[in-house]
Amino acid sequence: MTPELNALTLAALLQGLQFLAYSVQANLDVGPGYAMSARDREPSRPLSIHGGRLQRALTNHFEGLILFTIAVLVTTLSGQSTAFTAACAWIYLAARLAYVPAYYFGLRPWRSLVWAVGFLATMAMLFAALL
């Protein structure tokens, strides 16, 4: 497996962990009755600040993972895996790992800077595939 595919696999596992963390927090915040319901109405209790942050970090990872997956597939399927694209993939993963606690603890401007690092690493992989 290429380093890029390894990083993609670990990023997917990270997303699973993020989903688990959000689900646990959301259940604590809104209660199991609402969590197990059909959710036809708004919850009687809102998400906590941290629950909302975990939800937004998870949504952001879904969005970022789409572009990263495209970058990994283009790089891998075209046989253009290099030390540069591997480094970009690991940088993306490191940024995603740092993003969750940065968002959870409300670290500004670090959260945005960490996001930018991951995004730029993904874009660099795509540009490298075109060269």
C-alpha atoms as a PDB file:
ATOM      1  CA  MET A   1       0.000   0.000   0.000  1.00  0.00           C
ATOM      2  CA  THR A   2       1.312   3.470  -0.817  1.00  0.00           C
ATOM      3  CA  PRO A   3       2.024   5.942   1.984  1.00  0.00           C
ATOM      4  CA  GLU A   4      -0.840   8.074   0.674  1.00  0.00           C
ATOM      5  CA  LEU A   5      -3.273   5.154   0.999  1.00  0.00           C
ATOM      6  CA  ASN A   6      -1.979   4.464   4.506  1.00  0.00           C
ATOM      7  CA  ALA A   7      -2.625   8.082   5.458  1.00  0.00           C
ATOM      8  CA  LEU A   8      -6.093   7.914   3.881  1.00  0.00           C
ATOM      9  CA  THR A   9      -6.928   4.771   5.846  1.00  0.00           C
ATOM     10  CA  LEU A  10      -5.793   6.384   9.086  1.00  0.00           C
ATOM     11  CA  ALA A  11      -7.760   9.544   8.229  1.00  0.00           C
ATOM     12  CA  ALA A  12     -10.881   7.407   7.785  1.00  0.00           C
ATOM     13  CA  LEU A  13     -10.259   5.738  11.149  1.00  0.00           C
ATOM     14  CA  LEU A  14      -9.814   9.186  12.695  1.00  0.00           C
ATOM     15  CA  GLN A  15     -13.160  10.172  11.251  1.00  0.00           C
ATOM     16  CA  GLY A  16     -14.718   7.114  12.854  1.00  0.00           C
ATOM     17  CA  LEU A  17     -13.235   8.131  16.205  1.00  0.00           C
ATOM     18  CA  GLN A  18     -14.522  11.666  15.732  1.00  0.00           C
ATOM     19  CA  PHE A  19     -17.984  10.294  15.005  1.00  0.00           C
ATOM     20  CA  LEU A  20     -17.833   8.199  18.167  1.00  0.00           C
ATOM     21  CA  ALA A  21     -16.688  11.170  20.285  1.00  0.00           C
ATOM     22  CA  TYR A  22     -19.444  13.377  18.858  1.00  0.00           C
ATOM     23  CA  SER A  23     -22.093  10.671  19.332  1.00  0.00           C
ATOM     24  CA  VAL A  24     -21.189  10.115  22.974  1.00  0.00           C
ATOM     25  CA  GLN A  25     -21.176  13.865  23.701  1.00  0.00           C
ATOM     26  CA  ALA A  26     -24.428  14.445  21.804  1.00  0.00           C
ATOM     27  CA  ASN A  27     -26.148  11.636  23.727  1.00  0.00           C
ATOM     28  CA  LEU A  28     -25.008  13.188  26.987  1.00  0.00           C
ATOM     29  CA  ASP A  29     -26.179  16.618  25.843  1.00  0.00           C
ATOM     30  CA  VAL A  30     -29.640  15.859  24.433  1.00  0.00           C
ATOM     31  CA  GLY A  31     -30.388  12.672  26.356  1.00  0.00           C
ATOM     32  CA  PRO A  32     -30.874   9.111  25.151  1.00  0.00           C
ATOM     33  CA  GLY A  33     -34.622   9.574  24.561  1.00  0.00           C
ATOM     34  CA  TYR A  34     -34.060  12.151  21.863  1.00  0.00           C
ATOM     35  CA  ALA A  35     -30.961  10.420  20.498  1.00  0.00           C
ATOM     36  CA  MET A  36     -32.937   7.205  19.912  1.00  0.00           C
ATOM     37  CA  SER A  37     -35.998   8.981  18.523  1.00  0.00           C
ATOM     38  CA  ALA A  38     -36.893   9.650  14.884  1.00  0.00           C
ATOM     39  CA  ARG A  39     -35.891  13.298  15.549  1.00  0.00           C
ATOM     40  CA  ASP A  40     -39.083  14.730  14.101  1.00  0.00           C
ATOM     41  CA  ARG A  41     -38.742  17.716  16.419  1.00  0.00           C
ATOM     42  CA  GLU A  42     -35.920  19.794  17.828  1.00  0.00           C
ATOM     43  CA  PRO A  43     -34.318  18.449  21.012  1.00  0.00           C
ATOM     44  CA  SER A  44     -35.568  19.887  24.283  1.00  0.00           C
ATOM     45  CA  ARG A  45     -31.925  20.424  25.272  1.00  0.00           C
ATOM     46  CA  PRO A  46     -29.360  21.869  22.866  1.00  0.00           C
ATOM     47  CA  LEU A  47     -25.879  20.528  22.266  1.00  0.00           C
ATOM     48  CA  SER A  48     -23.287  21.827  24.682  1.00  0.00           C
ATOM     49  CA  ILE A  49     -20.531  24.088  23.417  1.00  0.00           C
ATOM     50  CA  HIS A  50     -18.199  21.092  23.170  1.00  0.00           C
ATOM     51  CA  GLY A  51     -20.882  18.942  21.544  1.00  0.00           C
ATOM     52  CA  GLY A  52     -21.398  21.596  18.893  1.00  0.00           C
ATOM     53  CA  ARG A  53     -17.659  21.895  18.336  1.00  0.00           C
ATOM     54  CA  LEU A  54     -17.294  18.127  17.941  1.00  0.00           C
ATOM     55  CA  GLN A  55     -20.176  18.139  15.458  1.00  0.00           C
ATOM     56  CA  ARG A  56     -18.631  20.959  13.397  1.00  0.00           C
ATOM     57  CA  ALA A  57     -15.160  19.354  13.476  1.00  0.00           C
ATOM     58  CA  LEU A  58     -16.698  16.094  12.230  1.00  0.00           C
ATOM     59  CA  THR A  59     -18.558  17.880   9.436  1.00  0.00           C
ATOM     60  CA  ASN A  60     -15.367  19.691   8.484  1.00  0.00           C
ATOM     61  CA  HIS A  61     -13.496  16.388   8.303  1.00  0.00           C
ATOM     62  CA  PHE A  62     -16.169  14.933   6.007  1.00  0.00           C
ATOM     63  CA  GLU A  63     -15.672  17.925   3.712  1.00  0.00           C
ATOM     64  CA  GLY A  64     -11.877  17.798   3.792  1.00  0.00           C
ATOM     65  CA  LEU A  65     -11.734  14.034   3.414  1.00  0.00           C
ATOM     66  CA  ILE A  66     -13.495  14.237   0.051  1.00  0.00           C
ATOM     67  CA  LEU A  67     -10.726  16.357  -1.477  1.00  0.00           C
ATOM     68  CA  PHE A  68      -7.998  14.366   0.256  1.00  0.00           C
ATOM     69  CA  THR A  69      -9.466  11.104  -1.053  1.00  0.00           C
ATOM     70  CA  ILE A  70      -9.478  12.520  -4.587  1.00  0.00           C
ATOM     71  CA  ALA A  71      -5.846  13.598  -4.181  1.00  0.00           C
ATOM     72  CA  VAL A  72      -4.821  10.160  -2.889  1.00  0.00           C
ATOM     73  CA  LEU A  73      -6.699   8.299  -5.627  1.00  0.00           C
ATOM     74  CA  VAL A  74      -5.329  10.487  -8.414  1.00  0.00           C
ATOM     75  CA  THR A  75      -1.795  10.128  -7.044  1.00  0.00           C
ATOM     76  CA  THR A  76      -2.068   6.379  -6.492  1.00  0.00           C
ATOM     77  CA  LEU A  77      -3.967   5.379  -9.618  1.00  0.00           C
ATOM     78  CA  SER A  78      -1.691   7.427 -11.876  1.00  0.00           C
ATOM     79  CA  GLY A  79       1.385   5.860 -10.288  1.00  0.00           C
ATOM     80  CA  GLN A  80       2.732   9.234  -9.168  1.00  0.00           C
ATOM     81  CA  SER A  81       3.414   8.492  -5.537  1.00  0.00           C
ATOM     82  CA  THR A  82       6.597  10.311  -4.546  1.00  0.00           C
ATOM     83  CA  ALA A  83       8.290  11.359  -1.342  1.00  0.00           C
ATOM     84  CA  PHE A  84       6.621  14.745  -1.806  1.00  0.00           C
ATOM     85  CA  THR A  85       3.083  13.362  -2.160  1.00  0.00           C
ATOM     86  CA  ALA A  86       3.692  10.988   0.764  1.00  0.00           C
ATOM     87  CA  ALA A  87       4.832  13.934   2.899  1.00  0.00           C
ATOM     88  CA  CYS A  88       1.727  15.879   1.864  1.00  0.00           C
ATOM     89  CA  ALA A  89      -0.484  12.958   2.895  1.00  0.00           C
ATOM     90  CA  TRP A  90       1.148  12.662   6.313  1.00  0.00           C
ATOM     91  CA  ILE A  91       0.960  16.439   6.790  1.00  0.00           C
ATOM     92  CA  TYR A  92      -2.767  16.304   6.005  1.00  0.00           C
ATOM     93  CA  LEU A  93      -3.251  13.532   8.583  1.00  0.00           C
ATOM     94  CA  ALA A  94      -1.215  15.375  11.219  1.00  0.00           C
ATOM     95  CA  ALA A  95      -3.247  18.516  10.581  1.00  0.00           C
ATOM     96  CA  ARG A  96      -6.510  16.603  10.985  1.00  0.00           C
ATOM     97  CA  LEU A  97      -5.240  15.074  14.219  1.00  0.00           C
ATOM     98  CA  ALA A  98      -4.372  18.542  15.528  1.00  0.00           C
ATOM     99  CA  TYR A  99      -7.600  20.108  14.241  1.00  0.00           C
ATOM    100  CA  VAL A 100      -9.960  18.185  16.518  1.00  0.00           C
ATOM    101  CA  PRO A 101      -8.473  19.330  19.848  1.00  0.00           C
ATOM    102  CA  ALA A 102      -7.834  22.808  18.429  1.00  0.00           C
ATOM    103  CA  TYR A 103     -11.536  23.093  17.596  1.00  0.00           C
ATOM    104  CA  TYR A 104     -12.718  21.356  20.776  1.00  0.00           C
ATOM    105  CA  PHE A 105     -10.770  23.747  23.002  1.00  0.00           C
ATOM    106  CA  GLY A 106     -11.551  26.811  20.867  1.00  0.00           C
ATOM    107  CA  LEU A 107      -7.930  27.593  20.050  1.00  0.00           C
ATOM    108  CA  ARG A 108      -7.974  30.656  17.810  1.00  0.00           C
ATOM    109  CA  PRO A 109      -6.323  31.329  15.383  1.00  0.00           C
ATOM    110  CA  TRP A 110      -4.591  27.935  15.600  1.00  0.00           C
ATOM    111  CA  ARG A 111      -7.658  25.979  14.513  1.00  0.00           C
ATOM    112  CA  SER A 112      -7.824  27.923  11.262  1.00  0.00           C
ATOM    113  CA  LEU A 113      -4.075  27.683  10.697  1.00  0.00           C
ATOM    114  CA  VAL A 114      -4.111  23.918  11.255  1.00  0.00           C
ATOM    115  CA  TRP A 115      -7.021  23.608   8.818  1.00  0.00           C
ATOM    116  CA  ALA A 116      -5.094  25.643   6.230  1.00  0.00           C
ATOM    117  CA  VAL A 117      -2.046  23.366   6.542  1.00  0.00           C
ATOM    118  CA  GLY A 118      -4.179  20.292   5.797  1.00  0.00           C
ATOM    119  CA  PHE A 119      -5.957  22.003   2.915  1.00  0.00           C
ATOM    120  CA  LEU A 120      -2.701  23.225   1.361  1.00  0.00           C
ATOM    121  CA  ALA A 121      -1.162  19.751   1.673  1.00  0.00           C
ATOM    122  CA  THR A 122      -4.140  18.327  -0.213  1.00  0.00           C
ATOM    123  CA  MET A 123      -3.899  20.987  -2.919  1.00  0.00           C
ATOM    124  CA  ALA A 124      -0.154  20.366  -3.253  1.00  0.00           C
ATOM    125  CA  MET A 125      -0.821  16.667  -3.850  1.00  0.00           C
ATOM    126  CA  LEU A 126      -3.301  17.520  -6.599  1.00  0.00           C
ATOM    127  CA  PHE A 127      -0.915  19.966  -8.256  1.00  0.00           C
ATOM    128  CA  ALA A 128       1.903  17.393  -8.057  1.00  0.00           C
ATOM    129  CA  ALA A 129      -0.278  14.905  -9.921  1.00  0.00           C
ATOM    130  CA  LEU A 130      -0.683  17.382 -12.776  1.00  0.00           C
ATOM    131  CA  LEU A 131       3.052  17.909 -13.212  1.00  0.00           C
END
